[in-house]
Amino acid sequence: MRKLAGLAKANLAILLLAAGAAAESLEDHCLRQLLTVRRVYVDRLGGGETSEQMRDMIIASLQNSRLFLVTEIEERADAVMRGSAEDMIFTDIHQFNDGITARAGITSSSSRSIPGANLSVGQHESQRTSERRHEASAAVRLVNKDGDVIWATTQESLGAKFRGSSADVADKITKQLGLDFEKARKLAAQ
């Protein structure tokens, strides 16, 4: 009985290792396909009105990275970048109210005099701040000619010190693509 339990555990361990190797080889397969991409077409992005501007920023960032040749003709591309993007401007409002109030009063009536006492204390504090915020996000993927997704990322930003949030997201996408491309080169060299 112990031998059977030991064999079952060993078989389970082998299956788990094989599943891990299969998942790793799928990632490796996608990375190797990334190395075959020379031309990229950036498709129109879904999302709000600002998605077209985000597309232009992604194209500029990809072009500046010199990872790929960016083409305006989809049929000439080895891969198409698709996805969605949103750039939102909103006002973040914080409101705070605090107050203390105390009252006391004594009155009595007699025929000769009218004594009375009254006490009142109050304090009230209110604060309201509003801050204009700018936030952008994008989820993009590279799809090869067979329709397979070979790379994907999601990036978001509240803006950077010297650039807006859309430009920051475009640069983050390109940076991640560059890192994964370099990972693919190292994998191919092994």
C-alpha atoms as a PDB file:
ATOM      1  CA  MET A   1       0.000   0.000   0.000  1.00  0.00           C
ATOM      2  CA  ARG A   2       2.852   2.353   0.831  1.00  0.00           C
ATOM      3  CA  LYS A   3       4.509   1.545  -2.509  1.00  0.00           C
ATOM      4  CA  LEU A   4       1.299   2.485  -4.351  1.00  0.00           C
ATOM      5  CA  ALA A   5       1.023   5.765  -2.445  1.00  0.00           C
ATOM      6  CA  GLY A   6       4.691   6.492  -3.184  1.00  0.00           C
ATOM      7  CA  LEU A   7       4.177   5.719  -6.902  1.00  0.00           C
ATOM      8  CA  ALA A   8       1.084   7.932  -7.028  1.00  0.00           C
ATOM      9  CA  LYS A   9       3.029  10.816  -5.476  1.00  0.00           C
ATOM     10  CA  ALA A  10       5.911  10.296  -7.899  1.00  0.00           C
ATOM     11  CA  ASN A  11       3.533  10.230 -10.892  1.00  0.00           C
ATOM     12  CA  LEU A  12       1.818  13.380  -9.640  1.00  0.00           C
ATOM     13  CA  ALA A  13       5.185  15.122  -9.282  1.00  0.00           C
ATOM     14  CA  ILE A  14       6.134  14.103 -12.840  1.00  0.00           C
ATOM     15  CA  LEU A  15       2.806  15.382 -14.184  1.00  0.00           C
ATOM     16  CA  LEU A  16       3.243  18.713 -12.371  1.00  0.00           C
ATOM     17  CA  LEU A  17       6.768  19.096 -13.742  1.00  0.00           C
ATOM     18  CA  ALA A  18       5.551  18.287 -17.251  1.00  0.00           C
ATOM     19  CA  ALA A  19       2.720  20.804 -16.965  1.00  0.00           C
ATOM     20  CA  GLY A  20       5.194  23.442 -15.784  1.00  0.00           C
ATOM     21  CA  ALA A  21       7.539  22.632 -18.673  1.00  0.00           C
ATOM     22  CA  ALA A  22       4.635  22.835 -21.142  1.00  0.00           C
ATOM     23  CA  ALA A  23       3.608  26.247 -19.825  1.00  0.00           C
ATOM     24  CA  GLU A  24       7.209  27.423 -19.941  1.00  0.00           C
ATOM     25  CA  SER A  25       7.665  26.148 -23.483  1.00  0.00           C
ATOM     26  CA  LEU A  26       4.512  28.020 -24.571  1.00  0.00           C
ATOM     27  CA  GLU A  27       6.011  31.251 -23.234  1.00  0.00           C
ATOM     28  CA  ASP A  28       9.312  30.392 -24.912  1.00  0.00           C
ATOM     29  CA  HIS A  29       7.470  29.673 -28.167  1.00  0.00           C
ATOM     30  CA  CYS A  30       5.788  33.102 -28.087  1.00  0.00           C
ATOM     31  CA  LEU A  31       9.099  34.797 -27.290  1.00  0.00           C
ATOM     32  CA  ARG A  32      10.783  33.038 -30.208  1.00  0.00           C
ATOM     33  CA  GLN A  33       7.982  34.232 -32.504  1.00  0.00           C
ATOM     34  CA  LEU A  34       8.619  37.763 -31.287  1.00  0.00           C
ATOM     35  CA  LEU A  35      12.118  37.502 -32.800  1.00  0.00           C
ATOM     36  CA  THR A  36      10.615  36.879 -36.256  1.00  0.00           C
ATOM     37  CA  VAL A  37       8.744  40.202 -36.238  1.00  0.00           C
ATOM     38  CA  ARG A  38      10.395  42.933 -38.321  1.00  0.00           C
ATOM     39  CA  ARG A  39       7.416  45.120 -39.312  1.00  0.00           C
ATOM     40  CA  VAL A  40       4.544  46.129 -37.032  1.00  0.00           C
ATOM     41  CA  TYR A  41       1.253  47.758 -37.922  1.00  0.00           C
ATOM     42  CA  VAL A  42      -0.542  49.512 -35.052  1.00  0.00           C
ATOM     43  CA  ASP A  43      -4.275  49.071 -35.589  1.00  0.00           C
ATOM     44  CA  ARG A  44      -6.926  51.529 -34.404  1.00  0.00           C
ATOM     45  CA  LEU A  45      -7.413  51.136 -30.685  1.00  0.00           C
ATOM     46  CA  GLY A  46     -10.790  50.698 -29.073  1.00  0.00           C
ATOM     47  CA  GLY A  47     -11.807  52.985 -26.249  1.00  0.00           C
ATOM     48  CA  GLY A  48     -12.812  56.578 -25.899  1.00  0.00           C
ATOM     49  CA  GLU A  49     -12.191  59.628 -28.025  1.00  0.00           C
ATOM     50  CA  THR A  50      -8.559  59.812 -26.944  1.00  0.00           C
ATOM     51  CA  SER A  51      -7.610  56.338 -28.195  1.00  0.00           C
ATOM     52  CA  GLU A  52      -6.519  57.725 -31.584  1.00  0.00           C
ATOM     53  CA  GLN A  53      -4.073  60.051 -29.864  1.00  0.00           C
ATOM     54  CA  MET A  54      -2.778  57.125 -27.786  1.00  0.00           C
ATOM     55  CA  ARG A  55      -2.275  55.137 -31.017  1.00  0.00           C
ATOM     56  CA  ASP A  56      -0.154  57.956 -32.447  1.00  0.00           C
ATOM     57  CA  MET A  57       1.928  58.068 -29.272  1.00  0.00           C
ATOM     58  CA  ILE A  58       2.486  54.296 -29.356  1.00  0.00           C
ATOM     59  CA  ILE A  59       3.570  54.536 -33.007  1.00  0.00           C
ATOM     60  CA  ALA A  60       6.019  57.339 -32.175  1.00  0.00           C
ATOM     61  CA  SER A  61       7.389  55.454 -29.181  1.00  0.00           C
ATOM     62  CA  LEU A  62       7.836  52.227 -31.200  1.00  0.00           C
ATOM     63  CA  GLN A  63       9.502  54.143 -34.017  1.00  0.00           C
ATOM     64  CA  ASN A  64      11.919  55.833 -31.593  1.00  0.00           C
ATOM     65  CA  SER A  65      12.805  52.497 -29.975  1.00  0.00           C
ATOM     66  CA  ARG A  66      14.015  51.097 -33.321  1.00  0.00           C
ATOM     67  CA  LEU A  67      12.836  47.614 -32.291  1.00  0.00           C
ATOM     68  CA  PHE A  68      10.693  47.251 -35.401  1.00  0.00           C
ATOM     69  CA  LEU A  69       9.888  49.032 -38.590  1.00  0.00           C
ATOM     70  CA  VAL A  70       6.452  50.573 -38.068  1.00  0.00           C
ATOM     71  CA  THR A  71       4.307  50.406 -41.200  1.00  0.00           C
ATOM     72  CA  GLU A  72       1.060  52.097 -42.162  1.00  0.00           C
ATOM     73  CA  ILE A  73       0.108  49.203 -44.476  1.00  0.00           C
ATOM     74  CA  GLU A  74      -1.327  46.278 -42.532  1.00  0.00           C
ATOM     75  CA  GLU A  75      -0.687  43.711 -45.295  1.00  0.00           C
ATOM     76  CA  ARG A  76       3.071  44.380 -45.158  1.00  0.00           C
ATOM     77  CA  ALA A  77       3.303  43.801 -41.398  1.00  0.00           C
ATOM     78  CA  ASP A  78       4.642  40.645 -39.737  1.00  0.00           C
ATOM     79  CA  ALA A  79       2.479  41.428 -36.701  1.00  0.00           C
ATOM     80  CA  VAL A  80      -0.392  43.760 -35.841  1.00  0.00           C
ATOM     81  CA  MET A  81      -0.692  45.581 -32.527  1.00  0.00           C
ATOM     82  CA  ARG A  82      -4.319  45.656 -31.383  1.00  0.00           C
ATOM     83  CA  GLY A  83      -6.029  46.660 -28.182  1.00  0.00           C
ATOM     84  CA  SER A  84      -7.811  49.446 -26.384  1.00  0.00           C
ATOM     85  CA  ALA A  85      -6.800  52.645 -24.642  1.00  0.00           C
ATOM     86  CA  GLU A  86      -8.394  55.343 -22.540  1.00  0.00           C
ATOM     87  CA  ASP A  87      -7.190  58.727 -21.375  1.00  0.00           C
ATOM     88  CA  MET A  88      -9.390  60.297 -18.710  1.00  0.00           C
ATOM     89  CA  ILE A  89      -9.348  63.668 -17.021  1.00  0.00           C
ATOM     90  CA  PHE A  90     -11.416  63.926 -13.865  1.00  0.00           C
ATOM     91  CA  THR A  91     -11.712  65.943 -10.668  1.00  0.00           C
ATOM     92  CA  ASP A  92     -11.004  64.210  -7.385  1.00  0.00           C
ATOM     93  CA  ILE A  93     -12.943  65.918  -4.555  1.00  0.00           C
ATOM     94  CA  HIS A  94     -12.236  65.446  -0.846  1.00  0.00           C
ATOM     95  CA  GLN A  95     -14.564  67.033   1.701  1.00  0.00           C
ATOM     96  CA  PHE A  96     -14.173  67.139   5.477  1.00  0.00           C
ATOM     97  CA  ASN A  97     -16.620  68.541   8.068  1.00  0.00           C
ATOM     98  CA  ASP A  98     -16.122  68.685  11.821  1.00  0.00           C
ATOM     99  CA  GLY A  99     -18.115  70.509  14.497  1.00  0.00           C
ATOM    100  CA  ILE A 100     -18.795  70.747  18.230  1.00  0.00           C
ATOM    101  CA  THR A 101     -21.852  72.413  19.764  1.00  0.00           C
ATOM    102  CA  ALA A 102     -22.951  72.587  23.414  1.00  0.00           C
ATOM    103  CA  ARG A 103     -25.895  74.479  24.928  1.00  0.00           C
ATOM    104  CA  ALA A 104     -27.222  74.884  28.419  1.00  0.00           C
ATOM    105  CA  GLY A 105     -29.923  77.013  29.922  1.00  0.00           C
ATOM    106  CA  ILE A 106     -31.705  77.478  33.253  1.00  0.00           C
ATOM    107  CA  THR A 107     -34.657  79.763  33.825  1.00  0.00           C
ATOM    108  CA  SER A 108     -37.008  80.082  36.703  1.00  0.00           C
ATOM    109  CA  SER A 109     -39.743  82.488  37.330  1.00  0.00           C
ATOM    110  CA  SER A 110     -40.806  84.031  40.600  1.00  0.00           C
ATOM    111  CA  SER A 111     -42.870  87.025  41.425  1.00  0.00           C
ATOM    112  CA  ARG A 112     -39.966  89.138  42.679  1.00  0.00           C
ATOM    113  CA  SER A 113     -37.139  88.398  40.233  1.00  0.00           C
ATOM    114  CA  ILE A 114     -36.511  86.534  37.075  1.00  0.00           C
ATOM    115  CA  PRO A 115     -33.240  84.604  37.370  1.00  0.00           C
ATOM    116  CA  GLY A 116     -31.799  82.871  34.299  1.00  0.00           C
ATOM    117  CA  ALA A 117     -28.650  81.426  32.905  1.00  0.00           C
ATOM    118  CA  ASN A 118     -27.661  80.526  29.417  1.00  0.00           C
ATOM    119  CA  LEU A 119     -24.472  79.026  28.009  1.00  0.00           C
ATOM    120  CA  SER A 120     -23.603  78.264  24.386  1.00  0.00           C
ATOM    121  CA  VAL A 121     -20.379  76.927  22.840  1.00  0.00           C
ATOM    122  CA  GLY A 122     -19.811  76.099  19.173  1.00  0.00           C
ATOM    123  CA  GLN A 123     -17.041  75.307  16.755  1.00  0.00           C
ATOM    124  CA  HIS A 124     -17.280  74.198  13.159  1.00  0.00           C
ATOM    125  CA  GLU A 125     -14.531  73.329  10.691  1.00  0.00           C
ATOM    126  CA  SER A 126     -15.013  72.501   7.031  1.00  0.00           C
ATOM    127  CA  GLN A 127     -12.472  71.744   4.351  1.00  0.00           C
ATOM    128  CA  ARG A 128     -12.954  70.964   0.690  1.00  0.00           C
ATOM    129  CA  THR A 129     -10.215  70.260  -1.829  1.00  0.00           C
ATOM    130  CA  SER A 130     -10.553  69.414  -5.462  1.00  0.00           C
ATOM    131  CA  GLU A 131      -7.706  68.155  -7.586  1.00  0.00           C
ATOM    132  CA  ARG A 132      -7.709  67.727 -11.334  1.00  0.00           C
ATOM    133  CA  ARG A 133      -6.345  64.269 -12.183  1.00  0.00           C
ATOM    134  CA  HIS A 134      -5.231  62.731 -15.440  1.00  0.00           C
ATOM    135  CA  GLU A 135      -5.115  58.978 -15.907  1.00  0.00           C
ATOM    136  CA  ALA A 136      -4.405  56.815 -18.937  1.00  0.00           C
ATOM    137  CA  SER A 137      -4.390  53.063 -19.515  1.00  0.00           C
ATOM    138  CA  ALA A 138      -3.921  50.712 -22.437  1.00  0.00           C
ATOM    139  CA  ALA A 139      -4.109  46.972 -23.052  1.00  0.00           C
ATOM    140  CA  VAL A 140      -2.351  45.925 -26.268  1.00  0.00           C
ATOM    141  CA  ARG A 141      -1.253  42.716 -27.931  1.00  0.00           C
ATOM    142  CA  LEU A 142       0.869  41.678 -30.910  1.00  0.00           C
ATOM    143  CA  VAL A 143      -0.883  39.251 -33.231  1.00  0.00           C
ATOM    144  CA  ASN A 144       1.048  37.352 -35.922  1.00  0.00           C
ATOM    145  CA  LYS A 145      -0.218  36.593 -39.439  1.00  0.00           C
ATOM    146  CA  ASP A 146      -1.732  33.293 -38.232  1.00  0.00           C
ATOM    147  CA  GLY A 147      -3.895  35.213 -35.739  1.00  0.00           C
ATOM    148  CA  ASP A 148      -1.951  34.010 -32.686  1.00  0.00           C
ATOM    149  CA  VAL A 149      -1.260  36.430 -29.850  1.00  0.00           C
ATOM    150  CA  ILE A 150       2.513  36.359 -29.370  1.00  0.00           C
ATOM    151  CA  TRP A 151       2.835  39.212 -26.859  1.00  0.00           C
ATOM    152  CA  ALA A 152       0.524  41.274 -24.636  1.00  0.00           C
ATOM    153  CA  THR A 153       0.725  43.898 -21.907  1.00  0.00           C
ATOM    154  CA  THR A 154      -1.465  46.243 -19.888  1.00  0.00           C
ATOM    155  CA  GLN A 155      -0.045  49.575 -18.753  1.00  0.00           C
ATOM    156  CA  GLU A 156      -1.456  52.545 -16.867  1.00  0.00           C
ATOM    157  CA  SER A 157      -0.203  55.890 -15.640  1.00  0.00           C
ATOM    158  CA  LEU A 158      -1.218  58.947 -13.662  1.00  0.00           C
ATOM    159  CA  GLY A 159       1.349  60.933 -15.602  1.00  0.00           C
ATOM    160  CA  ALA A 160       5.049  61.392 -15.187  1.00  0.00           C
ATOM    161  CA  LYS A 161       7.066  64.365 -14.027  1.00  0.00           C
ATOM    162  CA  PHE A 162       7.821  65.740 -17.487  1.00  0.00           C
ATOM    163  CA  ARG A 163       5.162  64.136 -19.698  1.00  0.00           C
ATOM    164  CA  GLY A 164       1.471  63.386 -19.766  1.00  0.00           C
ATOM    165  CA  SER A 165      -0.122  60.119 -18.834  1.00  0.00           C
ATOM    166  CA  SER A 166      -0.773  59.020 -22.447  1.00  0.00           C
ATOM    167  CA  ALA A 167       2.855  59.519 -23.449  1.00  0.00           C
ATOM    168  CA  ASP A 168       3.930  57.714 -20.299  1.00  0.00           C
ATOM    169  CA  VAL A 169       1.710  54.713 -21.113  1.00  0.00           C
ATOM    170  CA  ALA A 170       3.037  54.596 -24.701  1.00  0.00           C
ATOM    171  CA  ASP A 171       6.613  54.588 -23.398  1.00  0.00           C
ATOM    172  CA  LYS A 172       5.804  51.892 -20.814  1.00  0.00           C
ATOM    173  CA  ILE A 173       4.367  49.674 -23.566  1.00  0.00           C
ATOM    174  CA  THR A 174       7.479  50.118 -25.696  1.00  0.00           C
ATOM    175  CA  LYS A 175       9.773  49.553 -22.713  1.00  0.00           C
ATOM    176  CA  GLN A 176       7.991  46.295 -21.806  1.00  0.00           C
ATOM    177  CA  LEU A 177       8.149  45.149 -25.424  1.00  0.00           C
ATOM    178  CA  GLY A 178      11.865  45.946 -25.493  1.00  0.00           C
ATOM    179  CA  LEU A 179      12.473  43.984 -22.288  1.00  0.00           C
ATOM    180  CA  ASP A 180      10.585  40.966 -23.626  1.00  0.00           C
ATOM    181  CA  PHE A 181      12.390  41.222 -26.972  1.00  0.00           C
ATOM    182  CA  GLU A 182      15.720  41.175 -25.133  1.00  0.00           C
ATOM    183  CA  LYS A 183      14.521  38.170 -23.117  1.00  0.00           C
ATOM    184  CA  ALA A 184      13.712  36.432 -26.426  1.00  0.00           C
ATOM    185  CA  ARG A 185      17.233  37.172 -27.748  1.00  0.00           C
ATOM    186  CA  LYS A 186      18.800  35.633 -24.648  1.00  0.00           C
ATOM    187  CA  LEU A 187      16.543  32.602 -24.966  1.00  0.00           C
ATOM    188  CA  ALA A 188      17.557  32.152 -28.616  1.00  0.00           C
ATOM    189  CA  ALA A 189      21.246  32.410 -27.689  1.00  0.00           C
ATOM    190  CA  GLN A 190      20.971  29.538 -25.215  1.00  0.00           C
END
